[in-house]
Amino acid sequence: MSRKRQRLVPDAFGLKRRRERGQAEADPLRGESGKRGGPGTRRGAACGGRTAPPAPLPVSVTWSLRPGSARAAVAELVQLFPRSLFEDALPPIALRSQVYSLVPDRTAADRQLKALQEQGEIRIIQLGFDLDAHGIIFTEDYRTRVLKACDGRPYAGAVQKFLASVLPACGDLSFQQDQMTQTFGFRDPEITQLVNAGVLTVRDAGSWWLAVPGAGRFIKYFVKGRQAVLGMVRKAKYRELLLSELLGRRAPAAVRLGLTYHVHDLIGAQLVDCVSTTSGTLLRLPET
């Protein structure tokens, strides 16, 4: 990412303004417009139903809750996840690309995410539609939703064993057969049960990705929504659109996860360029 882009992306999300002048200026991506009534004011429809700030976090992790930290970015992004769309059956998922929209120094973002992963606070999963598409989930959310999804099922015992033994000890995206059988003591039928439960998906012969039960519907919505929001910019004059104007528009039916959720992804994945103008941040399709 160029030095110029590193300056523009934080401005697009109001990070620089919040550091230097508090919260006096509007940030359309956070649902702010002009003078606000207070910190609880939100643009609910654009933010996928976000109506409340994140819950207080344990003291042990508050070290990283500073402007521009990956931990703070993930905490904010999971608030945009539309839980009700999935009947609260899925853990809130943020994407690595979305984190880059709030922490434009990708090296720093990856380093901080790796530290959180090694500490066991987050899990990173391969979403499958792209090799670089990584979902980020808080470990406790993952554990809670997986237990709920598997409650009373024939594979519940294998899942509970996996959550108790493998999850705390190994933060990897994937697992090898020797690792599962020799290190953690799983038999082949138990590994098959984990695949049937949706906790693991086949990577190749003898290895499996960590997965989220029922995540297929989320991936389908995400891919369709990304294309729909890109289409909104592509159809605009000169293939560019003000961020505030985009967020003020009615979302197409394919955008099930919320415009704000997708805009974070488009900027972090560099599918659009951010251009600073006197009218605000402009989103422009890169020249091909």
Protein backbone atom coordinates (compact mmCIF):
# COMPACT_ATOMS: atom_id res chain seq x y z
CA MET A 1 0.00 0.00 0.00
CA SER A 2 1.35 3.40 -0.92
CA ARG A 3 2.16 6.03 1.70
CA LYS A 4 -0.56 8.26 0.26
CA ARG A 5 -3.15 5.52 0.63
CA GLN A 6 -2.10 4.88 4.22
CA ARG A 7 -2.99 8.49 4.98
CA LEU A 8 -6.35 8.46 3.20
CA VAL A 9 -7.83 5.23 4.52
CA PRO A 10 -7.79 6.20 8.23
CA ASP A 11 -9.33 9.55 7.32
CA ALA A 12 -12.13 7.77 5.51
CA PHE A 13 -13.11 6.04 8.72
CA GLY A 14 -12.65 9.05 10.97
CA LEU A 15 -9.64 7.70 12.85
CA LYS A 16 -7.36 10.68 12.35
CA ARG A 17 -10.16 13.15 13.12
CA ARG A 18 -11.04 11.31 16.33
CA ARG A 19 -7.43 11.41 17.51
CA GLU A 20 -6.81 15.06 16.74
CA ARG A 21 -10.14 16.75 17.37
CA GLY A 22 -12.21 14.35 19.37
CA GLN A 23 -15.60 13.44 17.86
CA ALA A 24 -16.80 16.79 16.63
CA GLU A 25 -16.73 15.91 12.92
CA ALA A 26 -19.06 13.51 11.17
CA ASP A 27 -17.97 10.02 10.20
CA PRO A 28 -20.50 8.53 7.76
CA LEU A 29 -19.14 5.00 8.09
CA ARG A 30 -19.96 5.08 11.79
CA GLY A 31 -23.41 6.46 11.03
CA GLU A 32 -22.63 10.01 12.16
CA SER A 33 -23.95 13.16 10.53
CA GLY A 34 -23.14 16.68 11.67
CA LYS A 35 -23.69 17.22 15.40
CA ARG A 36 -24.62 14.11 17.24
CA GLY A 37 -26.72 13.50 20.31
CA GLY A 38 -24.06 11.40 21.98
CA PRO A 39 -21.83 8.37 21.65
CA GLY A 40 -24.76 5.99 21.42
CA THR A 41 -26.16 7.53 18.24
CA ARG A 42 -25.92 5.03 15.38
CA ARG A 43 -27.07 4.60 11.82
CA GLY A 44 -28.74 1.29 12.58
CA ALA A 45 -29.83 0.31 9.08
CA ALA A 46 -26.45 0.95 7.48
CA CYS A 47 -24.55 -0.78 10.26
CA GLY A 48 -26.38 -4.07 10.04
CA GLY A 49 -28.39 -3.43 13.19
CA ARG A 50 -25.60 -2.22 15.47
CA THR A 51 -27.33 -0.47 18.33
CA ALA A 52 -24.98 -0.75 21.27
CA PRO A 53 -21.25 -0.36 21.97
CA PRO A 54 -19.14 -3.45 22.59
CA ALA A 55 -19.37 -5.06 26.02
CA PRO A 56 -16.58 -4.25 28.50
CA LEU A 57 -13.51 -6.39 27.91
CA PRO A 58 -11.33 -8.24 30.43
CA VAL A 59 -8.49 -6.19 31.86
CA SER A 60 -6.01 -8.68 30.38
CA VAL A 61 -6.79 -7.59 26.82
CA THR A 62 -7.39 -3.87 27.23
CA TRP A 63 -3.71 -3.18 26.53
CA SER A 64 -4.46 -3.32 22.80
CA LEU A 65 -7.61 -1.18 22.82
CA ARG A 66 -6.05 1.92 21.40
CA PRO A 67 -6.85 3.82 18.18
CA GLY A 68 -5.57 1.88 15.22
CA SER A 69 -5.10 -1.44 17.04
CA ALA A 70 -6.26 -4.66 15.43
CA ARG A 71 -8.04 -5.68 18.67
CA ALA A 72 -10.07 -2.48 18.67
CA ALA A 73 -10.84 -2.91 14.96
CA VAL A 74 -12.14 -6.47 15.41
CA ALA A 75 -14.21 -5.40 18.43
CA GLU A 76 -15.84 -2.68 16.33
CA LEU A 77 -16.32 -4.80 13.21
CA VAL A 78 -18.07 -7.69 14.94
CA GLN A 79 -20.67 -5.18 16.14
CA LEU A 80 -21.62 -4.72 12.47
CA PHE A 81 -22.32 -8.43 12.01
CA PRO A 82 -26.10 -8.96 11.61
CA ARG A 83 -26.67 -11.67 14.21
CA SER A 84 -30.44 -11.71 13.76
CA LEU A 85 -30.05 -12.60 10.08
CA PHE A 86 -28.64 -15.96 11.19
CA GLU A 87 -30.94 -16.34 14.23
CA ASP A 88 -27.84 -15.76 16.39
CA ALA A 89 -26.61 -19.23 15.36
CA LEU A 90 -23.29 -17.96 13.99
CA PRO A 91 -20.52 -16.27 15.95
CA PRO A 92 -19.97 -12.67 14.78
CA ILE A 93 -17.41 -12.77 11.98
CA ALA A 94 -15.05 -10.00 10.86
CA LEU A 95 -12.71 -10.30 7.89
CA ARG A 96 -9.00 -9.62 7.77
CA SER A 97 -9.64 -7.24 4.87
CA GLN A 98 -12.03 -5.24 7.06
CA VAL A 99 -9.37 -4.90 9.74
CA TYR A 100 -7.05 -3.39 7.12
CA SER A 101 -9.63 -0.64 6.54
CA LEU A 102 -9.16 0.50 10.14
CA VAL A 103 -5.49 -0.46 10.56
CA PRO A 104 -3.96 0.46 7.17
CA ASP A 105 -0.47 -0.64 8.23
CA ARG A 106 -0.97 -4.24 7.16
CA THR A 107 2.27 -5.46 8.66
CA ALA A 108 1.25 -4.09 12.06
CA ALA A 109 -2.29 -5.46 11.69
CA ASP A 110 -1.05 -8.95 10.82
CA ARG A 111 1.46 -8.88 13.67
CA GLN A 112 -1.22 -7.90 16.19
CA LEU A 113 -3.71 -10.45 14.86
CA LYS A 114 -1.04 -13.16 15.10
CA ALA A 115 -0.40 -12.18 18.73
CA LEU A 116 -4.13 -12.36 19.52
CA GLN A 117 -4.30 -15.73 17.79
CA GLU A 118 -1.34 -17.10 19.76
CA GLN A 119 -2.89 -15.82 23.00
CA GLY A 120 -6.04 -17.78 22.15
CA GLU A 121 -8.31 -14.74 22.09
CA ILE A 122 -9.30 -15.05 18.44
CA ARG A 123 -9.67 -17.83 15.90
CA ILE A 124 -8.91 -17.28 12.22
CA ILE A 125 -10.72 -19.40 9.66
CA GLN A 126 -10.35 -19.89 5.91
CA LEU A 127 -13.61 -18.79 4.27
CA GLY A 128 -12.97 -20.70 1.07
CA PHE A 129 -14.04 -18.32 -1.68
CA ASP A 130 -10.52 -16.86 -1.86
CA LEU A 131 -7.18 -18.03 -0.47
CA ASP A 132 -6.73 -14.63 1.21
CA ALA A 133 -10.28 -14.56 2.64
CA HIS A 134 -9.82 -15.05 6.38
CA GLY A 135 -12.60 -14.72 8.93
CA ILE A 136 -11.80 -13.57 12.47
CA ILE A 137 -13.88 -14.75 15.41
CA PHE A 138 -13.48 -14.23 19.12
CA THR A 139 -12.70 -17.65 20.61
CA GLU A 140 -15.38 -17.49 23.27
CA ASP A 141 -18.01 -16.62 20.65
CA TYR A 142 -16.82 -19.55 18.55
CA ARG A 143 -16.98 -21.97 21.47
CA THR A 144 -20.44 -20.84 22.56
CA ARG A 145 -22.03 -21.05 19.09
CA VAL A 146 -20.42 -24.40 18.24
CA LEU A 147 -21.64 -25.97 21.48
CA LYS A 148 -25.13 -24.64 20.82
CA ALA A 149 -25.16 -25.93 17.24
CA CYS A 150 -24.04 -29.42 18.29
CA ASP A 151 -26.15 -29.81 21.42
CA GLY A 152 -27.96 -33.12 21.43
CA ARG A 153 -26.41 -34.32 18.16
CA PRO A 154 -24.64 -37.69 17.77
CA TYR A 155 -21.32 -35.90 17.27
CA ALA A 156 -21.64 -33.68 20.36
CA GLY A 157 -19.06 -35.75 22.30
CA ALA A 158 -16.40 -35.42 19.61
CA VAL A 159 -17.06 -31.69 19.34
CA GLN A 160 -16.78 -31.17 23.09
CA LYS A 161 -13.50 -33.11 23.10
CA PHE A 162 -12.21 -30.92 20.25
CA LEU A 163 -13.17 -27.70 22.04
CA ALA A 164 -11.60 -28.85 25.31
CA SER A 165 -8.33 -30.24 23.96
CA VAL A 166 -7.49 -28.88 20.51
CA LEU A 167 -8.90 -25.36 20.61
CA PRO A 168 -6.93 -24.13 23.68
CA ALA A 169 -3.69 -25.79 22.55
CA CYS A 170 -3.53 -25.02 18.85
CA GLY A 171 -4.39 -21.74 17.11
CA ASP A 172 -3.68 -22.92 13.56
CA LEU A 173 -6.01 -22.49 10.60
CA SER A 174 -5.71 -26.19 9.73
CA PHE A 175 -4.85 -29.52 11.35
CA GLN A 176 -2.90 -32.55 10.12
CA GLN A 177 -3.94 -36.18 10.63
CA ASP A 178 -0.86 -37.07 12.69
CA GLN A 179 -1.51 -34.04 14.87
CA MET A 180 -5.15 -35.00 15.44
CA THR A 181 -4.51 -38.69 16.09
CA GLN A 182 -1.17 -38.74 17.88
CA THR A 183 -1.09 -35.38 19.69
CA PHE A 184 -4.75 -35.05 20.60
CA GLY A 185 -5.85 -38.70 20.55
CA PHE A 186 -8.69 -38.52 18.04
CA ARG A 187 -9.74 -41.68 16.23
CA ASP A 188 -10.67 -41.58 12.55
CA PRO A 189 -14.42 -41.96 13.29
CA GLU A 190 -14.23 -38.97 15.63
CA ILE A 191 -12.56 -36.85 12.95
CA THR A 192 -15.36 -37.85 10.59
CA GLN A 193 -17.85 -36.69 13.21
CA LEU A 194 -16.09 -33.31 13.43
CA VAL A 195 -16.40 -32.95 9.67
CA ASN A 196 -20.09 -33.91 9.83
CA ALA A 197 -20.56 -31.33 12.59
CA GLY A 198 -19.05 -28.59 10.41
CA VAL A 199 -16.22 -27.93 12.86
CA LEU A 200 -13.68 -29.16 10.31
CA THR A 201 -13.75 -29.07 6.51
CA VAL A 202 -11.49 -31.12 4.26
CA ARG A 203 -8.43 -29.23 3.05
CA ASP A 204 -6.79 -32.17 1.28
CA ALA A 205 -5.99 -35.79 2.05
CA GLY A 206 -5.04 -35.96 5.72
CA SER A 207 -5.63 -32.32 6.65
CA TRP A 208 -8.61 -30.17 7.59
CA TRP A 209 -9.47 -26.48 7.92
CA LEU A 210 -11.03 -25.15 11.10
CA ALA A 211 -14.61 -24.19 10.23
CA VAL A 212 -17.82 -22.74 11.64
CA PRO A 213 -20.97 -24.88 11.51
CA GLY A 214 -23.52 -23.24 9.20
CA ALA A 215 -21.08 -20.65 7.80
CA GLY A 216 -21.95 -21.54 4.21
CA ARG A 217 -24.93 -19.18 4.20
CA PHE A 218 -22.79 -16.31 5.49
CA ILE A 219 -20.19 -16.90 2.76
CA LYS A 220 -22.93 -16.93 0.10
CA TYR A 221 -24.38 -13.63 1.38
CA PHE A 222 -20.93 -12.07 1.65
CA VAL A 223 -19.83 -12.88 -1.91
CA LYS A 224 -23.12 -11.68 -3.41
CA GLY A 225 -23.14 -8.55 -1.26
CA ARG A 226 -19.57 -7.63 -2.15
CA GLN A 227 -20.41 -7.81 -5.85
CA ALA A 228 -23.59 -5.80 -5.37
CA VAL A 229 -21.84 -2.94 -3.55
CA LEU A 230 -19.05 -2.92 -6.12
CA GLY A 231 -21.79 -2.68 -8.74
CA MET A 232 -23.19 0.43 -7.04
CA VAL A 233 -19.82 2.16 -7.48
CA ARG A 234 -19.32 0.77 -10.98
CA LYS A 235 -22.67 2.15 -12.19
CA ALA A 236 -22.00 5.64 -10.79
CA LYS A 237 -20.75 8.42 -13.05
CA TYR A 238 -17.01 8.06 -13.67
CA ARG A 239 -17.16 4.84 -11.60
CA GLU A 240 -16.79 6.80 -8.37
CA LEU A 241 -19.09 7.66 -5.48
CA LEU A 242 -18.87 9.67 -2.27
CA LEU A 243 -18.73 7.44 0.78
CA SER A 244 -21.53 9.42 2.45
CA GLU A 245 -23.70 9.13 -0.65
CA LEU A 246 -23.15 5.39 -0.92
CA LEU A 247 -24.09 4.81 2.71
CA GLY A 248 -27.16 7.01 2.28
CA ARG A 249 -28.54 4.92 -0.54
CA ARG A 250 -30.96 2.06 -0.22
CA ALA A 251 -29.04 -1.20 -0.29
CA PRO A 252 -29.82 -3.69 -3.07
CA ALA A 253 -31.61 -6.86 -2.03
CA ALA A 254 -28.37 -8.84 -2.39
CA VAL A 255 -26.73 -6.78 0.39
CA ARG A 256 -27.92 -8.82 3.36
CA LEU A 257 -25.00 -8.02 5.67
CA GLY A 258 -25.29 -4.22 5.54
CA LEU A 259 -23.59 -1.58 3.41
CA THR A 260 -21.15 -0.57 6.13
CA TYR A 261 -19.99 -4.16 6.61
CA HIS A 262 -19.18 -4.43 2.91
CA VAL A 263 -17.59 -0.99 2.55
CA HIS A 264 -15.02 -1.88 5.20
CA ASP A 265 -14.17 -4.96 3.13
CA LEU A 266 -13.97 -3.11 -0.21
CA ILE A 267 -11.55 -0.53 1.17
CA GLY A 268 -9.40 -2.98 3.11
CA ALA A 269 -9.25 -5.42 0.19
CA GLN A 270 -8.27 -2.50 -2.10
CA LEU A 271 -11.20 -3.17 -4.41
CA VAL A 272 -11.85 0.59 -4.33
CA ASP A 273 -9.50 3.54 -3.90
CA CYS A 274 -10.15 6.24 -1.28
CA VAL A 275 -9.71 9.79 -2.55
CA SER A 276 -9.85 12.75 -0.18
CA THR A 277 -12.01 15.60 -1.55
CA THR A 278 -13.55 18.78 -0.14
CA SER A 279 -16.91 16.97 -0.17
CA GLY A 280 -15.62 14.00 1.79
CA THR A 281 -14.07 10.67 0.98
CA LEU A 282 -14.61 9.48 -2.57
CA LEU A 283 -14.64 5.77 -3.42
CA ARG A 284 -13.30 5.09 -6.90
CA LEU A 285 -12.80 1.86 -8.81
CA PRO A 286 -9.11 1.34 -9.60
CA GLU A 287 -8.08 1.69 -13.21
CA THR A 288 -7.64 -1.66 -14.91
